[in-house]
Amino acid sequence: MPELVFFSGTMDCGKSTLALQIEHNRSARGLQGMIFTRDDRAGEGKLSSRLGLVTEAVEAGEDFDFYAYLVGHLSKGGRADYVIADEAQFLAPEQIGQLARVVDDLELDVFAFGITTDFRSKLFPGSQRLVELADRVEVLQVEALCWCGARATHNARTINGRMVVEGAQVVVGDVNQSADEIGYEVLCRRHHRRRMTAAAARAAALSPDVLPVELGSGVS
């Protein structure tokens, strides 16, 4: 039976890489898929991974109707054996419902990929609806790591290396951005709660406040 499968995880855990791998494996067996994405880091109409892999995709904007698009594609003689939807956290709940209808009415497998929570540890509406509707939710086994070495479970938004907890839910950025840009960092729950990014940890380690002796004490 066809399924709606939600592959979830933090940023930097290989979701887009897995999406591209699924596309490669199925296309190598003669199957044809439809690939959709939204606000990919590589630009409009692209599905890319941080490993440097990229492929063409259909940009699914705010008013995009997955079901209508696929019905039109198939009605014109086009072929679609499965569907891949990357950056699914950015989709509206109604669009997730359309993907579920693609599974039920068109009998196509749909593989959706996305992060579950935003930089405030709040569920994205699209991800919440996927959890509610998906036949399966798969947490990716490639674990992203916090700067401390623990398993990263939370996504943090940073400006100048400092974690922020206010602002629009969707601001396109990436990990490892330059210091003066909006960027993202994955953290364990403890350091997300403490707002302790890698930059903040480095600054704290260099601060005289954390040295065991006072500067100028004459101790060598």
C-alpha atoms as a PDB file:
ATOM      1  CA  MET A   1       0.000   0.000   0.000  1.00  0.00           C
ATOM      2  CA  PRO A   2       1.257   3.513  -0.735  1.00  0.00           C
ATOM      3  CA  GLU A   3       2.333   5.539   2.288  1.00  0.00           C
ATOM      4  CA  LEU A   4       2.883   9.084   3.461  1.00  0.00           C
ATOM      5  CA  VAL A   5       6.233   8.916   5.274  1.00  0.00           C
ATOM      6  CA  PHE A   6       7.670  11.817   7.261  1.00  0.00           C
ATOM      7  CA  PHE A   7      11.456  11.780   7.698  1.00  0.00           C
ATOM      8  CA  SER A   8      12.317  14.225  10.455  1.00  0.00           C
ATOM      9  CA  GLY A   9      15.303  15.432  12.417  1.00  0.00           C
ATOM     10  CA  THR A  10      17.277  18.544  13.306  1.00  0.00           C
ATOM     11  CA  MET A  11      19.122  20.651  10.809  1.00  0.00           C
ATOM     12  CA  ASP A  12      22.371  19.110   9.560  1.00  0.00           C
ATOM     13  CA  CYS A  13      21.251  15.494  10.043  1.00  0.00           C
ATOM     14  CA  GLY A  14      21.129  14.526   6.369  1.00  0.00           C
ATOM     15  CA  LYS A  15      17.441  14.872   5.432  1.00  0.00           C
ATOM     16  CA  SER A  16      18.042  16.325   1.982  1.00  0.00           C
ATOM     17  CA  THR A  17      20.869  13.857   1.367  1.00  0.00           C
ATOM     18  CA  LEU A  18      18.463  11.005   2.099  1.00  0.00           C
ATOM     19  CA  ALA A  19      15.853  12.563  -0.203  1.00  0.00           C
ATOM     20  CA  LEU A  20      18.404  12.625  -3.004  1.00  0.00           C
ATOM     21  CA  GLN A  21      19.436   9.053  -2.219  1.00  0.00           C
ATOM     22  CA  ILE A  22      15.828   7.855  -2.432  1.00  0.00           C
ATOM     23  CA  GLU A  23      15.485   9.647  -5.771  1.00  0.00           C
ATOM     24  CA  HIS A  24      18.692   8.038  -7.052  1.00  0.00           C
ATOM     25  CA  ASN A  25      17.739   4.519  -5.948  1.00  0.00           C
ATOM     26  CA  ARG A  26      14.304   4.648  -7.528  1.00  0.00           C
ATOM     27  CA  SER A  27      15.342   6.334 -10.737  1.00  0.00           C
ATOM     28  CA  ALA A  28      18.067   3.697 -11.134  1.00  0.00           C
ATOM     29  CA  ARG A  29      15.263   1.103 -11.182  1.00  0.00           C
ATOM     30  CA  GLY A  30      13.413   2.918 -13.960  1.00  0.00           C
ATOM     31  CA  LEU A  31      10.923   4.760 -11.737  1.00  0.00           C
ATOM     32  CA  GLN A  32      10.081   8.429 -12.197  1.00  0.00           C
ATOM     33  CA  GLY A  33       9.424  10.712  -9.283  1.00  0.00           C
ATOM     34  CA  MET A  34       8.133  14.236  -8.817  1.00  0.00           C
ATOM     35  CA  ILE A  35      10.341  16.326  -6.556  1.00  0.00           C
ATOM     36  CA  PHE A  36       9.029  19.369  -4.722  1.00  0.00           C
ATOM     37  CA  THR A  37      10.763  21.751  -2.381  1.00  0.00           C
ATOM     38  CA  ARG A  38      10.277  25.080  -0.644  1.00  0.00           C
ATOM     39  CA  ASP A  39      12.873  27.738   0.182  1.00  0.00           C
ATOM     40  CA  ASP A  40      15.899  25.515  -0.389  1.00  0.00           C
ATOM     41  CA  ARG A  41      19.287  27.011   0.506  1.00  0.00           C
ATOM     42  CA  ALA A  42      20.413  26.608  -3.144  1.00  0.00           C
ATOM     43  CA  GLY A  43      17.593  28.780  -4.478  1.00  0.00           C
ATOM     44  CA  GLU A  44      14.191  28.411  -6.091  1.00  0.00           C
ATOM     45  CA  GLY A  45      13.402  25.098  -7.742  1.00  0.00           C
ATOM     46  CA  LYS A  46      16.379  23.266  -6.232  1.00  0.00           C
ATOM     47  CA  LEU A  47      16.796  20.376  -3.825  1.00  0.00           C
ATOM     48  CA  SER A  48      20.289  20.432  -2.358  1.00  0.00           C
ATOM     49  CA  SER A  49      22.284  18.798   0.400  1.00  0.00           C
ATOM     50  CA  ARG A  50      25.233  20.133   2.377  1.00  0.00           C
ATOM     51  CA  LEU A  51      27.376  17.462   0.703  1.00  0.00           C
ATOM     52  CA  GLY A  52      27.145  19.484  -2.497  1.00  0.00           C
ATOM     53  CA  LEU A  53      24.532  17.364  -4.284  1.00  0.00           C
ATOM     54  CA  VAL A  54      21.723  19.198  -6.040  1.00  0.00           C
ATOM     55  CA  THR A  55      18.855  18.397  -8.394  1.00  0.00           C
ATOM     56  CA  GLU A  56      16.003  20.264 -10.049  1.00  0.00           C
ATOM     57  CA  ALA A  57      12.684  20.429  -8.218  1.00  0.00           C
ATOM     58  CA  VAL A  58       9.300  22.110  -8.441  1.00  0.00           C
ATOM     59  CA  GLU A  59       9.032  25.086  -6.095  1.00  0.00           C
ATOM     60  CA  ALA A  60       5.947  24.669  -3.915  1.00  0.00           C
ATOM     61  CA  GLY A  61       4.951  28.187  -2.900  1.00  0.00           C
ATOM     62  CA  GLU A  62       2.254  29.311  -0.507  1.00  0.00           C
ATOM     63  CA  ASP A  63      -0.608  28.833  -2.990  1.00  0.00           C
ATOM     64  CA  PHE A  64       0.717  25.635  -4.549  1.00  0.00           C
ATOM     65  CA  ASP A  65      -1.739  22.709  -4.726  1.00  0.00           C
ATOM     66  CA  PHE A  66       0.108  19.380  -4.787  1.00  0.00           C
ATOM     67  CA  TYR A  67      -2.947  17.314  -5.635  1.00  0.00           C
ATOM     68  CA  ALA A  68      -4.103  19.558  -8.489  1.00  0.00           C
ATOM     69  CA  TYR A  69      -0.579  19.759  -9.895  1.00  0.00           C
ATOM     70  CA  LEU A  70      -0.147  15.985  -9.945  1.00  0.00           C
ATOM     71  CA  VAL A  71      -3.613  15.359 -11.370  1.00  0.00           C
ATOM     72  CA  GLY A  72      -2.826  17.819 -14.161  1.00  0.00           C
ATOM     73  CA  HIS A  73       0.554  16.219 -14.780  1.00  0.00           C
ATOM     74  CA  LEU A  74      -0.901  12.713 -14.993  1.00  0.00           C
ATOM     75  CA  SER A  75      -3.889  13.846 -17.095  1.00  0.00           C
ATOM     76  CA  LYS A  76      -1.504  15.215 -19.719  1.00  0.00           C
ATOM     77  CA  GLY A  77       0.218  11.846 -20.025  1.00  0.00           C
ATOM     78  CA  GLY A  78       2.977  12.570 -17.559  1.00  0.00           C
ATOM     79  CA  ARG A  79       4.349   9.906 -15.288  1.00  0.00           C
ATOM     80  CA  ALA A  80       4.852   9.912 -11.526  1.00  0.00           C
ATOM     81  CA  ASP A  81       5.639   6.775  -9.557  1.00  0.00           C
ATOM     82  CA  TYR A  82       6.339   8.539  -6.247  1.00  0.00           C
ATOM     83  CA  VAL A  83       6.626  12.002  -4.728  1.00  0.00           C
ATOM     84  CA  ILE A  84       9.412  13.639  -2.727  1.00  0.00           C
ATOM     85  CA  ALA A  85       8.664  16.811  -0.758  1.00  0.00           C
ATOM     86  CA  ASP A  86      11.679  18.438   0.897  1.00  0.00           C
ATOM     87  CA  GLU A  87      11.616  21.306   3.426  1.00  0.00           C
ATOM     88  CA  ALA A  88       8.129  20.110   4.318  1.00  0.00           C
ATOM     89  CA  GLN A  89       8.127  22.072   7.574  1.00  0.00           C
ATOM     90  CA  PHE A  90       7.501  25.210   5.509  1.00  0.00           C
ATOM     91  CA  LEU A  91       4.305  23.845   3.964  1.00  0.00           C
ATOM     92  CA  ALA A  92       0.862  24.863   5.167  1.00  0.00           C
ATOM     93  CA  PRO A  93      -1.300  22.265   6.937  1.00  0.00           C
ATOM     94  CA  GLU A  94      -3.644  22.321   3.935  1.00  0.00           C
ATOM     95  CA  GLN A  95      -0.772  21.371   1.664  1.00  0.00           C
ATOM     96  CA  ILE A  96       0.079  18.420   3.904  1.00  0.00           C
ATOM     97  CA  GLY A  97      -3.548  17.349   3.501  1.00  0.00           C
ATOM     98  CA  GLN A  98      -3.070  17.513  -0.272  1.00  0.00           C
ATOM     99  CA  LEU A  99      -0.051  15.195   0.012  1.00  0.00           C
ATOM    100  CA  ALA A 100      -2.135  12.746   2.028  1.00  0.00           C
ATOM    101  CA  ARG A 101      -4.786  12.854  -0.696  1.00  0.00           C
ATOM    102  CA  VAL A 102      -2.096  12.084  -3.298  1.00  0.00           C
ATOM    103  CA  VAL A 103      -1.350   8.898  -1.349  1.00  0.00           C
ATOM    104  CA  ASP A 104      -4.984   7.895  -0.867  1.00  0.00           C
ATOM    105  CA  ASP A 105      -6.517   8.892  -4.205  1.00  0.00           C
ATOM    106  CA  LEU A 106      -3.618   8.670  -6.656  1.00  0.00           C
ATOM    107  CA  GLU A 107      -1.976   5.749  -4.847  1.00  0.00           C
ATOM    108  CA  LEU A 108       1.519   7.241  -4.903  1.00  0.00           C
ATOM    109  CA  ASP A 109       4.121   6.979  -2.163  1.00  0.00           C
ATOM    110  CA  VAL A 110       4.950  10.397  -0.712  1.00  0.00           C
ATOM    111  CA  PHE A 111       8.243  10.922   1.111  1.00  0.00           C
ATOM    112  CA  ALA A 112       8.280  14.183   3.070  1.00  0.00           C
ATOM    113  CA  PHE A 113      11.425  15.552   4.690  1.00  0.00           C
ATOM    114  CA  GLY A 114      11.647  18.325   7.244  1.00  0.00           C
ATOM    115  CA  ILE A 115      12.644  19.540  10.672  1.00  0.00           C
ATOM    116  CA  THR A 116      10.021  19.228  13.361  1.00  0.00           C
ATOM    117  CA  THR A 117      10.512  22.320  15.539  1.00  0.00           C
ATOM    118  CA  ASP A 118      11.660  25.871  14.930  1.00  0.00           C
ATOM    119  CA  PHE A 119      14.316  27.937  16.721  1.00  0.00           C
ATOM    120  CA  ARG A 120      11.910  28.491  19.638  1.00  0.00           C
ATOM    121  CA  SER A 121      11.313  24.733  20.064  1.00  0.00           C
ATOM    122  CA  LYS A 122       7.780  25.174  18.687  1.00  0.00           C
ATOM    123  CA  LEU A 123       6.297  22.812  16.120  1.00  0.00           C
ATOM    124  CA  PHE A 124       6.138  24.054  12.552  1.00  0.00           C
ATOM    125  CA  PRO A 125       2.478  23.859  11.426  1.00  0.00           C
ATOM    126  CA  GLY A 126       3.467  21.710   8.448  1.00  0.00           C
ATOM    127  CA  SER A 127       5.456  19.310  10.602  1.00  0.00           C
ATOM    128  CA  GLN A 128       2.660  19.095  13.152  1.00  0.00           C
ATOM    129  CA  ARG A 129       0.184  18.146  10.443  1.00  0.00           C
ATOM    130  CA  LEU A 130       2.599  15.548   9.080  1.00  0.00           C
ATOM    131  CA  VAL A 131       2.876  13.932  12.504  1.00  0.00           C
ATOM    132  CA  GLU A 132      -0.916  13.838  12.625  1.00  0.00           C
ATOM    133  CA  LEU A 133      -1.441  12.401   9.134  1.00  0.00           C
ATOM    134  CA  ALA A 134       1.653  10.381   8.219  1.00  0.00           C
ATOM    135  CA  ASP A 135       1.478   6.611   7.985  1.00  0.00           C
ATOM    136  CA  ARG A 136       5.003   6.539   9.388  1.00  0.00           C
ATOM    137  CA  VAL A 137       7.305   9.049  11.074  1.00  0.00           C
ATOM    138  CA  GLU A 138      10.982   8.169  10.749  1.00  0.00           C
ATOM    139  CA  VAL A 139      13.569   9.962  12.866  1.00  0.00           C
ATOM    140  CA  LEU A 140      16.824  10.039  10.930  1.00  0.00           C
ATOM    141  CA  GLN A 141      19.567   7.922  12.446  1.00  0.00           C
ATOM    142  CA  VAL A 142      22.435  10.215  11.425  1.00  0.00           C
ATOM    143  CA  GLU A 143      22.702  12.293  14.576  1.00  0.00           C
ATOM    144  CA  ALA A 144      23.731  15.924  14.404  1.00  0.00           C
ATOM    145  CA  LEU A 145      25.928  16.944  17.328  1.00  0.00           C
ATOM    146  CA  CYS A 146      25.876  19.954  19.616  1.00  0.00           C
ATOM    147  CA  TRP A 147      29.195  21.805  20.029  1.00  0.00           C
ATOM    148  CA  CYS A 148      29.595  19.975  23.364  1.00  0.00           C
ATOM    149  CA  GLY A 149      29.482  16.580  21.630  1.00  0.00           C
ATOM    150  CA  ALA A 150      26.032  15.581  22.882  1.00  0.00           C
ATOM    151  CA  ARG A 151      23.224  14.641  20.498  1.00  0.00           C
ATOM    152  CA  ALA A 152      21.668  17.778  19.038  1.00  0.00           C
ATOM    153  CA  THR A 153      17.911  17.907  19.480  1.00  0.00           C
ATOM    154  CA  HIS A 154      17.094  21.592  18.996  1.00  0.00           C
ATOM    155  CA  ASN A 155      17.562  24.180  16.258  1.00  0.00           C
ATOM    156  CA  ALA A 156      18.845  27.611  17.281  1.00  0.00           C
ATOM    157  CA  ARG A 157      18.775  30.849  15.280  1.00  0.00           C
ATOM    158  CA  THR A 158      21.840  33.040  15.721  1.00  0.00           C
ATOM    159  CA  ILE A 159      22.863  36.604  14.911  1.00  0.00           C
ATOM    160  CA  ASN A 160      26.535  37.434  15.359  1.00  0.00           C
ATOM    161  CA  GLY A 161      26.916  34.084  17.084  1.00  0.00           C
ATOM    162  CA  ARG A 162      24.295  34.914  19.714  1.00  0.00           C
ATOM    163  CA  MET A 163      21.137  32.852  19.994  1.00  0.00           C
ATOM    164  CA  VAL A 164      17.841  34.710  19.483  1.00  0.00           C
ATOM    165  CA  VAL A 165      14.375  33.539  20.466  1.00  0.00           C
ATOM    166  CA  GLU A 166      12.215  36.188  18.785  1.00  0.00           C
ATOM    167  CA  GLY A 167      11.350  36.862  15.172  1.00  0.00           C
ATOM    168  CA  ALA A 168       9.458  35.352  12.256  1.00  0.00           C
ATOM    169  CA  GLN A 169       9.157  31.582  12.322  1.00  0.00           C
ATOM    170  CA  VAL A 170      10.533  31.218   8.795  1.00  0.00           C
ATOM    171  CA  VAL A 171      13.769  33.012   7.932  1.00  0.00           C
ATOM    172  CA  VAL A 172      15.879  31.206   5.350  1.00  0.00           C
ATOM    173  CA  GLY A 173      19.430  30.602   6.493  1.00  0.00           C
ATOM    174  CA  ASP A 174      21.890  27.813   7.025  1.00  0.00           C
ATOM    175  CA  VAL A 175      24.390  26.439   9.489  1.00  0.00           C
ATOM    176  CA  ASN A 176      27.935  27.852   9.336  1.00  0.00           C
ATOM    177  CA  GLN A 177      26.889  31.295   8.152  1.00  0.00           C
ATOM    178  CA  SER A 178      29.316  34.195   8.553  1.00  0.00           C
ATOM    179  CA  ALA A 179      29.117  36.044  11.847  1.00  0.00           C
ATOM    180  CA  ASP A 180      27.148  39.069  10.602  1.00  0.00           C
ATOM    181  CA  GLU A 181      24.392  36.985   9.010  1.00  0.00           C
ATOM    182  CA  ILE A 182      21.348  35.221  10.370  1.00  0.00           C
ATOM    183  CA  GLY A 183      22.405  31.628  10.803  1.00  0.00           C
ATOM    184  CA  TYR A 184      21.378  28.436  12.521  1.00  0.00           C
ATOM    185  CA  GLU A 185      23.081  26.047  14.894  1.00  0.00           C
ATOM    186  CA  VAL A 186      22.003  22.706  16.303  1.00  0.00           C
ATOM    187  CA  LEU A 187      22.217  22.336  20.076  1.00  0.00           C
ATOM    188  CA  CYS A 188      21.411  19.813  22.765  1.00  0.00           C
ATOM    189  CA  ARG A 189      18.419  20.690  24.949  1.00  0.00           C
ATOM    190  CA  ARG A 190      20.604  21.854  27.832  1.00  0.00           C
ATOM    191  CA  HIS A 191      22.535  24.379  25.810  1.00  0.00           C
ATOM    192  CA  HIS A 192      19.472  25.498  23.852  1.00  0.00           C
ATOM    193  CA  ARG A 193      17.757  26.221  27.183  1.00  0.00           C
ATOM    194  CA  ARG A 194      20.828  28.130  28.357  1.00  0.00           C
ATOM    195  CA  ARG A 195      21.228  29.885  24.963  1.00  0.00           C
ATOM    196  CA  MET A 196      24.818  28.672  24.889  1.00  0.00           C
ATOM    197  CA  THR A 197      26.005  28.560  21.293  1.00  0.00           C
ATOM    198  CA  ALA A 198      29.488  27.503  20.227  1.00  0.00           C
ATOM    199  CA  ALA A 199      30.515  31.154  19.937  1.00  0.00           C
ATOM    200  CA  ALA A 200      29.123  31.945  23.381  1.00  0.00           C
ATOM    201  CA  ALA A 201      30.974  28.947  24.843  1.00  0.00           C
ATOM    202  CA  ARG A 202      34.261  30.112  23.314  1.00  0.00           C
ATOM    203  CA  ALA A 203      33.747  33.620  24.638  1.00  0.00           C
ATOM    204  CA  ALA A 204      32.985  32.269  28.117  1.00  0.00           C
ATOM    205  CA  ALA A 205      36.114  30.111  28.079  1.00  0.00           C
ATOM    206  CA  LEU A 206      38.247  33.183  27.328  1.00  0.00           C
ATOM    207  CA  SER A 207      36.550  35.396  29.900  1.00  0.00           C
ATOM    208  CA  PRO A 208      38.527  36.285  33.062  1.00  0.00           C
ATOM    209  CA  ASP A 209      35.362  35.557  35.021  1.00  0.00           C
ATOM    210  CA  VAL A 210      35.865  31.837  34.566  1.00  0.00           C
ATOM    211  CA  LEU A 211      39.594  31.684  35.348  1.00  0.00           C
ATOM    212  CA  PRO A 212      40.517  29.941  38.611  1.00  0.00           C
ATOM    213  CA  VAL A 213      42.642  32.884  39.780  1.00  0.00           C
ATOM    214  CA  GLU A 214      42.385  36.637  39.412  1.00  0.00           C
ATOM    215  CA  LEU A 215      44.465  38.318  36.771  1.00  0.00           C
ATOM    216  CA  GLY A 216      47.388  40.207  38.270  1.00  0.00           C
ATOM    217  CA  SER A 217      47.485  38.036  41.398  1.00  0.00           C
ATOM    218  CA  GLY A 218      51.142  37.229  40.857  1.00  0.00           C
ATOM    219  CA  VAL A 219      50.483  33.517  40.495  1.00  0.00           C
ATOM    220  CA  SER A 220      52.493  31.968  37.654  1.00  0.00           C
END
